[in-house]
Amino acid sequence: MNTTSEITLQVNGKPVTCSPNTNLTQMLQQIGLNPRLIAVEYNGEILHRQYWETTLLKTGDRLEIVTIVGGG
């Protein structure tokens, strides 16, 4: 198996590539997001933060990322 090829997934409807064996937390950092200020929908379901480190991304995954904004 070729472990040097990149995988492609959808982030908010746009194609994004990353290395195989990248977990969700690493991907969020790669695209410059603060994991503490966002919510993530992973393949149609809200993914709780406690699972981000163990969720390995794979080709075809779909992420919808929402930034949490404070205000009043």
N, C-alpha and C. Protein backbone atom coordinates (compact mmCIF):
# COMPACT_ATOMS: atom_id res chain seq x y z
N MET A 1 0.83 -1.19 0.00
CA MET A 1 0.00 0.00 0.00
C MET A 1 0.88 1.25 0.00
N ASN A 2 0.51 2.21 -0.79
CA ASN A 2 1.27 3.44 -0.90
C ASN A 2 0.81 4.41 0.18
N THR A 3 1.65 4.63 1.19
CA THR A 3 1.25 5.50 2.30
C THR A 3 1.66 6.95 2.08
N THR A 4 2.29 7.26 0.93
CA THR A 4 2.71 8.63 0.69
C THR A 4 1.66 9.44 -0.07
N SER A 5 0.65 8.77 -0.63
CA SER A 5 -0.36 9.50 -1.38
C SER A 5 -1.28 10.25 -0.43
N GLU A 6 -1.83 11.35 -0.91
CA GLU A 6 -2.72 12.14 -0.08
C GLU A 6 -4.15 11.65 -0.25
N ILE A 7 -4.96 11.95 0.74
CA ILE A 7 -6.38 11.66 0.65
C ILE A 7 -7.12 12.97 0.44
N THR A 8 -8.28 12.89 -0.19
CA THR A 8 -9.09 14.07 -0.46
C THR A 8 -10.43 13.93 0.24
N LEU A 9 -10.82 14.97 0.95
CA LEU A 9 -12.12 14.99 1.61
C LEU A 9 -12.77 16.34 1.36
N GLN A 10 -14.02 16.46 1.73
CA GLN A 10 -14.76 17.70 1.55
C GLN A 10 -14.84 18.43 2.89
N VAL A 11 -14.44 19.70 2.89
CA VAL A 11 -14.57 20.54 4.07
C VAL A 11 -15.43 21.74 3.68
N ASN A 12 -16.62 21.82 4.25
CA ASN A 12 -17.58 22.86 3.91
C ASN A 12 -17.78 22.94 2.39
N GLY A 13 -17.88 21.76 1.75
CA GLY A 13 -18.16 21.69 0.32
C GLY A 13 -16.97 21.87 -0.60
N LYS A 14 -15.78 22.07 -0.05
CA LYS A 14 -14.59 22.27 -0.89
C LYS A 14 -13.61 21.12 -0.69
N PRO A 15 -12.94 20.69 -1.76
CA PRO A 15 -11.97 19.60 -1.61
C PRO A 15 -10.73 20.06 -0.85
N VAL A 16 -10.31 19.24 0.09
CA VAL A 16 -9.11 19.49 0.89
C VAL A 16 -8.32 18.20 0.92
N THR A 17 -6.99 18.30 0.83
CA THR A 17 -6.16 17.10 0.90
C THR A 17 -5.36 17.09 2.20
N CYS A 18 -5.05 15.88 2.64
CA CYS A 18 -4.20 15.71 3.81
C CYS A 18 -3.49 14.37 3.69
N SER A 19 -2.55 14.14 4.57
CA SER A 19 -1.83 12.87 4.57
C SER A 19 -2.69 11.77 5.15
N PRO A 20 -2.47 10.53 4.72
CA PRO A 20 -3.16 9.41 5.36
C PRO A 20 -2.82 9.39 6.86
N ASN A 21 -3.69 8.83 7.65
CA ASN A 21 -3.52 8.73 9.10
C ASN A 21 -3.54 10.08 9.79
N THR A 22 -4.17 11.08 9.18
CA THR A 22 -4.38 12.37 9.82
C THR A 22 -5.66 12.29 10.62
N ASN A 23 -5.59 12.70 11.90
CA ASN A 23 -6.83 12.71 12.67
C ASN A 23 -7.51 14.07 12.54
N LEU A 24 -8.72 14.14 13.03
CA LEU A 24 -9.52 15.35 12.85
C LEU A 24 -8.86 16.57 13.50
N THR A 25 -8.31 16.42 14.69
CA THR A 25 -7.65 17.55 15.36
C THR A 25 -6.49 18.08 14.52
N GLN A 26 -5.69 17.17 13.95
CA GLN A 26 -4.56 17.59 13.11
C GLN A 26 -5.04 18.34 11.88
N MET A 27 -6.11 17.86 11.26
CA MET A 27 -6.65 18.52 10.06
C MET A 27 -7.11 19.93 10.39
N LEU A 28 -7.80 20.09 11.50
CA LEU A 28 -8.29 21.41 11.88
C LEU A 28 -7.13 22.38 12.09
N GLN A 29 -6.06 21.90 12.70
CA GLN A 29 -4.88 22.74 12.90
C GLN A 29 -4.21 23.08 11.57
N GLN A 30 -4.18 22.11 10.65
CA GLN A 30 -3.57 22.35 9.33
C GLN A 30 -4.29 23.45 8.57
N ILE A 31 -5.60 23.53 8.71
CA ILE A 31 -6.33 24.56 7.97
C ILE A 31 -6.52 25.83 8.79
N GLY A 32 -5.86 25.88 9.96
CA GLY A 32 -5.78 27.12 10.70
C GLY A 32 -6.95 27.42 11.62
N LEU A 33 -7.67 26.38 12.05
CA LEU A 33 -8.80 26.61 12.94
C LEU A 33 -8.45 26.25 14.37
N ASN A 34 -8.99 27.02 15.30
CA ASN A 34 -8.80 26.73 16.71
C ASN A 34 -9.86 25.71 17.12
N PRO A 35 -9.45 24.48 17.45
CA PRO A 35 -10.42 23.44 17.78
C PRO A 35 -11.36 23.80 18.93
N ARG A 36 -10.97 24.74 19.76
CA ARG A 36 -11.82 25.11 20.90
C ARG A 36 -12.99 25.99 20.49
N LEU A 37 -12.95 26.55 19.27
CA LEU A 37 -13.97 27.52 18.86
C LEU A 37 -14.84 27.04 17.72
N ILE A 38 -14.88 25.73 17.50
CA ILE A 38 -15.66 25.22 16.38
C ILE A 38 -16.49 24.00 16.77
N ALA A 39 -17.48 23.72 15.95
CA ALA A 39 -18.24 22.48 16.03
C ALA A 39 -18.06 21.78 14.69
N VAL A 40 -18.03 20.45 14.70
CA VAL A 40 -17.76 19.69 13.48
C VAL A 40 -18.85 18.66 13.25
N GLU A 41 -19.36 18.67 12.02
CA GLU A 41 -20.25 17.61 11.57
C GLU A 41 -19.41 16.70 10.68
N TYR A 42 -19.36 15.43 11.02
CA TYR A 42 -18.53 14.45 10.32
C TYR A 42 -19.44 13.44 9.62
N ASN A 43 -19.44 13.48 8.30
CA ASN A 43 -20.29 12.59 7.50
C ASN A 43 -21.75 12.62 7.95
N GLY A 44 -22.24 13.82 8.21
CA GLY A 44 -23.66 14.00 8.50
C GLY A 44 -24.05 13.97 9.96
N GLU A 45 -23.09 13.73 10.86
CA GLU A 45 -23.41 13.69 12.28
C GLU A 45 -22.45 14.57 13.07
N ILE A 46 -23.00 15.25 14.08
CA ILE A 46 -22.14 16.05 14.96
C ILE A 46 -21.17 15.12 15.66
N LEU A 47 -19.89 15.43 15.59
CA LEU A 47 -18.87 14.60 16.22
C LEU A 47 -18.38 15.31 17.48
N HIS A 48 -18.59 14.69 18.62
CA HIS A 48 -18.17 15.30 19.87
C HIS A 48 -16.65 15.38 19.95
N ARG A 49 -16.19 16.43 20.56
CA ARG A 49 -14.76 16.75 20.65
C ARG A 49 -13.93 15.58 21.20
N GLN A 50 -14.49 14.80 22.10
CA GLN A 50 -13.73 13.71 22.72
C GLN A 50 -13.29 12.66 21.70
N TYR A 51 -13.91 12.63 20.51
CA TYR A 51 -13.57 11.65 19.48
C TYR A 51 -12.64 12.20 18.41
N TRP A 52 -12.32 13.47 18.45
CA TRP A 52 -11.53 14.08 17.37
C TRP A 52 -10.15 13.45 17.23
N GLU A 53 -9.48 13.17 18.35
CA GLU A 53 -8.13 12.61 18.29
C GLU A 53 -8.11 11.21 17.68
N THR A 54 -9.19 10.45 17.86
CA THR A 54 -9.21 9.06 17.40
C THR A 54 -9.91 8.89 16.06
N THR A 55 -10.42 9.99 15.50
CA THR A 55 -11.10 9.92 14.20
C THR A 55 -10.09 10.16 13.09
N LEU A 56 -9.71 9.08 12.39
CA LEU A 56 -8.78 9.20 11.27
C LEU A 56 -9.57 9.50 10.01
N LEU A 57 -9.13 10.51 9.29
CA LEU A 57 -9.83 10.93 8.09
C LEU A 57 -9.49 10.02 6.92
N LYS A 58 -10.45 9.83 6.03
CA LYS A 58 -10.23 8.99 4.86
C LYS A 58 -10.87 9.63 3.63
N THR A 59 -10.43 9.21 2.47
CA THR A 59 -10.95 9.76 1.23
C THR A 59 -12.47 9.67 1.19
N GLY A 60 -13.09 10.78 0.82
CA GLY A 60 -14.54 10.82 0.70
C GLY A 60 -15.26 11.31 1.93
N ASP A 61 -14.55 11.48 3.05
CA ASP A 61 -15.21 12.01 4.25
C ASP A 61 -15.73 13.41 3.97
N ARG A 62 -16.81 13.77 4.64
CA ARG A 62 -17.41 15.10 4.50
C ARG A 62 -17.43 15.78 5.87
N LEU A 63 -16.81 16.94 5.94
CA LEU A 63 -16.81 17.72 7.18
C LEU A 63 -17.55 19.03 6.94
N GLU A 64 -18.41 19.37 7.86
CA GLU A 64 -19.01 20.72 7.89
C GLU A 64 -18.53 21.33 9.19
N ILE A 65 -17.85 22.46 9.08
CA ILE A 65 -17.25 23.09 10.25
C ILE A 65 -17.93 24.43 10.49
N VAL A 66 -18.39 24.62 11.71
CA VAL A 66 -19.07 25.85 12.09
C VAL A 66 -18.24 26.52 13.18
N THR A 67 -17.96 27.80 12.98
CA THR A 67 -17.23 28.57 13.99
C THR A 67 -18.21 29.11 15.03
N ILE A 68 -17.85 28.94 16.27
CA ILE A 68 -18.69 29.44 17.36
C ILE A 68 -18.33 30.90 17.59
N VAL A 69 -19.33 31.76 17.54
CA VAL A 69 -19.11 33.19 17.69
C VAL A 69 -19.83 33.67 18.95
N GLY A 70 -19.09 34.35 19.81
CA GLY A 70 -19.70 34.90 21.01
C GLY A 70 -20.36 36.24 20.72
N GLY A 71 -21.28 36.59 21.54
CA GLY A 71 -21.93 37.89 21.35
C GLY A 71 -23.20 37.94 22.19
N GLY A 72 -23.89 39.05 22.05
CA GLY A 72 -25.10 39.13 22.85
C GLY A 72 -26.08 40.11 22.35
